[in-house]
Protein backbone atom coordinates (compact mmCIF):
# COMPACT_ATOMS: atom_id res chain seq x y z
CA MET A 1 61.95 -31.15 23.26
CA THR A 2 59.96 -30.94 20.13
CA PRO A 3 61.30 -32.40 16.98
CA SER A 4 62.60 -29.93 14.12
CA LEU A 5 60.45 -29.39 11.28
CA ASP A 6 63.21 -30.89 9.14
CA GLY A 7 63.40 -33.69 11.84
CA ILE A 8 59.70 -34.39 11.66
CA LEU A 9 59.86 -34.40 7.30
CA GLN A 10 62.80 -36.93 7.47
CA GLN A 11 61.06 -39.53 9.76
CA LEU A 12 57.86 -39.03 7.66
CA GLU A 13 60.01 -40.01 4.27
CA CYS A 14 61.40 -43.11 6.21
CA ALA A 15 57.98 -44.04 7.52
CA GLU A 16 57.09 -47.75 5.88
CA ALA A 17 53.59 -47.60 7.24
CA LEU A 18 50.77 -45.44 7.24
CA GLU A 19 50.79 -44.74 11.40
CA GLY A 20 53.79 -43.16 10.44
CA LEU A 21 51.86 -40.44 9.13
CA GLN A 22 49.98 -40.68 12.84
CA THR A 23 53.02 -39.84 14.20
CA ALA A 24 54.12 -37.18 12.12
CA SER A 25 50.57 -35.28 13.16
CA VAL A 26 51.37 -35.38 16.75
CA ALA A 27 55.07 -34.28 16.17
CA LEU A 28 53.79 -31.43 14.03
CA ARG A 29 51.13 -30.73 16.45
CA ASP A 30 53.58 -30.36 19.16
CA HIS A 31 55.69 -28.41 17.26
CA TYR A 32 53.36 -25.45 15.88
CA ASN A 33 52.09 -25.30 19.38
CA VAL A 34 48.33 -25.65 17.99
CA ALA A 35 45.31 -28.26 19.03
CA HIS A 36 45.10 -29.94 15.93
CA ILE A 37 46.58 -31.70 12.65
CA VAL A 38 44.39 -34.03 10.86
CA TYR A 39 44.96 -35.54 6.98
CA HIS A 40 42.41 -37.27 5.37
CA TRP A 41 42.84 -39.07 2.19
CA VAL A 42 40.24 -40.77 -0.26
CA SER A 43 41.99 -43.72 -3.21
CA SER A 44 41.66 -43.58 -6.23
CA SER A 45 39.98 -46.83 -4.93
CA GLY A 46 38.05 -45.42 -2.80
CA GLN A 47 39.60 -46.34 0.58
CA GLN A 48 39.98 -44.12 3.23
CA TYR A 49 42.24 -43.06 5.63
CA GLY A 50 42.73 -40.53 8.08
CA CYS A 51 44.88 -39.90 11.04
CA GLY A 52 45.48 -36.67 13.54
CA THR A 53 45.16 -35.82 16.83
CA TYR A 54 40.99 -35.27 16.97
CA SER A 55 39.84 -37.07 19.90
CA PRO A 56 38.85 -40.90 19.56
CA GLU A 57 35.66 -39.57 20.80
CA TRP A 58 35.25 -36.94 17.98
CA VAL A 59 36.00 -39.17 15.24
CA ALA A 60 33.71 -41.86 15.57
CA ARG A 61 30.69 -39.24 16.38
CA TYR A 62 31.67 -37.96 13.08
CA VAL A 63 31.40 -41.60 11.31
CA GLU A 64 28.34 -42.07 13.63
CA GLN A 65 26.08 -39.28 12.56
CA ALA A 66 27.21 -39.31 9.14
CA TYR A 67 28.97 -35.49 9.57
CA LEU A 68 30.59 -35.94 6.05
CA ARG A 69 27.89 -34.81 4.24
CA VAL A 70 27.18 -31.63 6.16
CA ASP A 71 30.72 -30.53 6.99
CA PRO A 72 31.47 -27.34 5.39
CA VAL A 73 35.28 -27.56 5.59
CA VAL A 74 34.96 -31.15 2.96
CA ALA A 75 32.24 -29.35 1.01
CA GLY A 76 34.24 -26.01 0.49
CA CYS A 77 37.49 -27.72 -0.09
CA TYR A 78 36.45 -30.51 -2.84
CA GLN A 79 35.54 -26.84 -4.83
CA LYS A 80 38.89 -25.79 -4.28
CA PHE A 81 42.44 -25.78 -5.32
CA HIS A 82 44.19 -23.34 -2.83
CA PRO A 83 43.93 -23.23 1.21
CA VAL A 84 41.40 -22.21 2.75
CA ASP A 85 40.64 -20.40 6.04
CA TRP A 86 37.56 -21.99 7.61
CA LYS A 87 36.05 -18.52 8.25
CA ARG A 88 35.70 -18.24 4.26
CA LEU A 89 33.44 -21.59 4.47
CA ASP A 90 29.32 -21.27 4.54
CA TRP A 91 28.89 -21.70 7.88
CA SER A 92 25.34 -20.01 7.60
CA SER A 93 22.60 -23.35 7.76
CA LYS A 94 21.35 -24.71 10.88
CA ALA A 95 22.92 -28.08 9.98
CA SER A 96 26.77 -26.32 10.01
CA ARG A 97 25.98 -24.17 12.85
CA ALA A 98 24.78 -27.19 14.91
CA PHE A 99 28.13 -29.23 13.54
CA GLN A 100 30.38 -26.40 14.43
CA LYS A 101 29.10 -26.32 17.88
CA GLU A 102 29.28 -29.57 18.64
CA ALA A 103 33.09 -30.01 17.02
CA ILE A 104 33.72 -27.21 19.51
CA GLU A 105 32.48 -28.92 22.54
CA TYR A 106 34.78 -32.10 21.40
CA GLY A 107 37.83 -29.92 21.38
CA VAL A 108 38.17 -29.00 17.77
CA GLY A 109 39.47 -25.54 17.72
CA ASN A 110 37.48 -21.91 16.49
CA GLN A 111 40.48 -21.49 13.49
CA GLY A 112 41.15 -24.03 10.78
CA PHE A 113 43.25 -23.78 7.27
CA SER A 114 42.86 -26.56 5.21
CA ILE A 115 44.89 -27.34 2.23
CA PRO A 116 42.85 -29.73 -0.38
CA ILE A 117 45.22 -32.21 -2.41
CA ARG A 118 44.40 -34.09 -5.71
CA GLY A 119 46.25 -37.05 -6.79
CA PRO A 120 45.69 -38.96 -9.64
CA ASN A 121 42.87 -41.52 -10.46
CA GLY A 122 40.93 -39.30 -8.90
CA GLN A 123 42.29 -39.13 -5.13
CA PHE A 124 41.32 -36.45 -2.93
CA ALA A 125 42.78 -35.80 0.27
CA LEU A 126 42.76 -32.35 2.95
CA PHE A 127 45.72 -31.24 5.44
CA THR A 128 44.12 -29.41 8.23
CA VAL A 129 45.55 -27.59 10.85
CA ASN A 130 42.99 -26.22 13.57
CA ASN A 131 43.64 -23.95 17.18
CA ASP A 132 41.63 -21.92 19.27
CA CYS A 133 42.27 -18.42 19.27
CA SER A 134 41.73 -15.02 18.26
CA ASP A 135 41.26 -14.21 14.38
CA GLU A 136 44.68 -11.74 14.72
CA ASP A 137 46.35 -14.30 16.08
CA TRP A 138 45.27 -16.87 13.64
CA ALA A 139 45.72 -14.83 10.73
CA ASN A 140 49.53 -14.25 11.92
CA PHE A 141 49.64 -17.84 12.20
CA THR A 142 48.64 -18.95 9.06
CA GLU A 143 50.68 -16.16 7.29
CA THR A 144 54.04 -16.37 9.04
CA HIS A 145 53.42 -20.78 8.20
CA ARG A 146 51.32 -21.14 5.16
CA GLN A 147 54.43 -21.88 2.44
CA HIS A 148 55.98 -24.80 5.27
CA LEU A 149 52.13 -25.94 5.48
CA ILE A 150 51.75 -26.78 1.89
CA ILE A 151 54.82 -28.56 1.65
CA LEU A 152 53.79 -30.27 4.97
CA SER A 153 50.56 -31.20 2.71
CA HIS A 154 52.23 -32.51 -0.17
CA ALA A 155 54.77 -34.29 1.65
CA PHE A 156 51.83 -36.42 3.86
CA ASN A 157 50.07 -37.11 0.51
CA GLN A 158 53.73 -38.52 -1.30
CA LYS A 159 53.62 -41.01 1.52
CA ALA A 160 49.84 -42.16 1.21
CA LEU A 161 50.47 -42.58 -2.51
CA GLU A 162 53.57 -44.64 -1.85
CA LEU A 163 52.11 -46.37 1.05
CA GLU A 164 48.90 -47.29 -0.86
CA PRO A 165 48.54 -50.95 -1.43
CA GLY A 166 49.24 -52.06 -5.23
CA ARG A 167 50.44 -48.67 -6.01
CA THR A 168 53.61 -47.50 -7.89
CA PRO A 169 55.28 -44.74 -5.76
CA LEU A 170 55.75 -41.92 -8.65
CA ALA A 171 58.83 -40.94 -9.87
CA ALA A 172 59.86 -37.95 -8.18
CA GLN A 173 60.97 -34.76 -10.18
CA ALA A 174 64.82 -35.03 -12.02
CA LEU A 175 66.99 -32.39 -10.77
CA SER A 176 69.14 -30.60 -13.89
CA PRO A 177 72.56 -30.96 -14.27
CA ARG A 178 73.37 -27.45 -12.86
CA GLU A 179 71.23 -28.19 -10.58
CA ILE A 180 72.86 -31.02 -9.38
CA ASP A 181 76.14 -29.42 -9.56
CA ALA A 182 75.02 -26.77 -7.22
CA MET A 183 73.20 -28.76 -4.64
CA THR A 184 76.86 -30.49 -4.75
CA LEU A 185 79.21 -27.90 -4.49
CA ILE A 186 76.49 -26.66 -1.05
CA ALA A 187 76.79 -29.82 0.51
CA VAL A 188 80.40 -30.42 0.68
CA GLY A 189 80.43 -26.42 2.39
CA TYR A 190 80.96 -23.86 -0.42
CA SER A 191 79.34 -20.83 0.30
CA ARG A 192 77.15 -19.57 -2.62
CA ALA A 193 79.59 -16.94 -3.67
CA GLN A 194 82.28 -20.16 -4.12
CA VAL A 195 79.32 -21.76 -5.98
CA ALA A 196 78.81 -19.28 -8.32
CA VAL A 197 82.65 -18.47 -8.88
CA THR A 198 82.98 -22.23 -9.60
CA LEU A 199 80.23 -22.59 -11.92
CA SER A 200 80.90 -19.25 -13.55
CA ILE A 201 77.42 -18.14 -12.90
CA SER A 202 76.23 -15.09 -11.19
CA GLU A 203 74.50 -15.33 -7.33
CA ASN A 204 71.37 -14.46 -9.05
CA THR A 205 71.14 -17.15 -11.42
CA LEU A 206 72.15 -19.45 -8.46
CA ARG A 207 69.66 -18.92 -5.80
CA VAL A 208 67.29 -19.51 -9.18
CA TYR A 209 68.98 -23.13 -9.31
CA ILE A 210 68.57 -23.64 -5.67
CA GLU A 211 64.93 -22.54 -5.61
CA SER A 212 64.50 -24.74 -8.11
CA ALA A 213 66.25 -28.16 -6.74
CA ARG A 214 64.32 -27.24 -3.72
CA HIS A 215 60.57 -27.27 -5.26
CA LYS A 216 61.49 -30.17 -6.83
CA LEU A 217 62.75 -32.03 -4.07
CA GLY A 218 59.60 -30.30 -1.57
CA ALA A 219 62.36 -29.25 0.79
CA LEU A 220 61.41 -26.41 3.34
CA ASN A 221 65.21 -24.88 2.83
CA THR A 222 68.44 -25.65 1.66
CA THR A 223 69.96 -27.81 4.32
CA HIS A 224 66.46 -29.96 4.01
CA ALA A 225 66.96 -30.14 0.30
CA VAL A 226 70.82 -31.20 0.55
CA ALA A 227 69.77 -33.38 3.18
CA LYS A 228 66.87 -35.18 0.66
CA ALA A 229 68.99 -34.79 -2.00
CA ILE A 230 71.72 -36.81 -0.15
CA ALA A 231 69.20 -39.69 1.33
CA ARG A 232 67.72 -39.94 -2.24
CA GLY A 233 70.96 -40.58 -3.99
CA VAL A 234 70.84 -37.11 -6.25
CA ILE A 235 73.70 -35.77 -5.03
CA VAL A 236 77.12 -37.91 -3.72
CA VAL A 237 79.57 -36.36 -1.36
């Protein structure tokens, strides 16, 4: 059975070595039923780390030919801050077209969606989802999963930063007292209506508290937010 997205994120959060990112990338590929999931980072000291589901042959070929210099995905994403669909990149040069043709021969899909991430002291990373399908199917996929993919990209990057040798992990954003109250009551089984009555607030205000807490915790949904808050000791039930 393919692991749930919540389960994959929890495994990633518990990873104690960079190999855990590789395991998560394979699980995500299977979960989304796509060709490839890839994460590549350059640390603040210039150290590089990559994990993902591209074939070892393509990875070796990419390094051997120094394709980093001509790869439109790297060049295009380095100049951007928002997710990038590969179709919007510049593939017009002869070198880029030859690179793309060879990549497809090595099993890289014709569609891609990459999320650039910038961390402290010059750290740069890319989180990529890749598949072989029509433009219409790919547009539907990225529109449906865009928000989750962005959260996943930052979860990968946060774990990579935590595991970077000699680096102190970044402190998580603290929840406000009201956010903690709301999440605690949900964790013990209250409905949203019951939580709103208990805290003497409207359900609209409660929704704001929950969404804020979810964002701070980097969670996909309320259930995942509660699980992460409990695991981190933010709330006690």
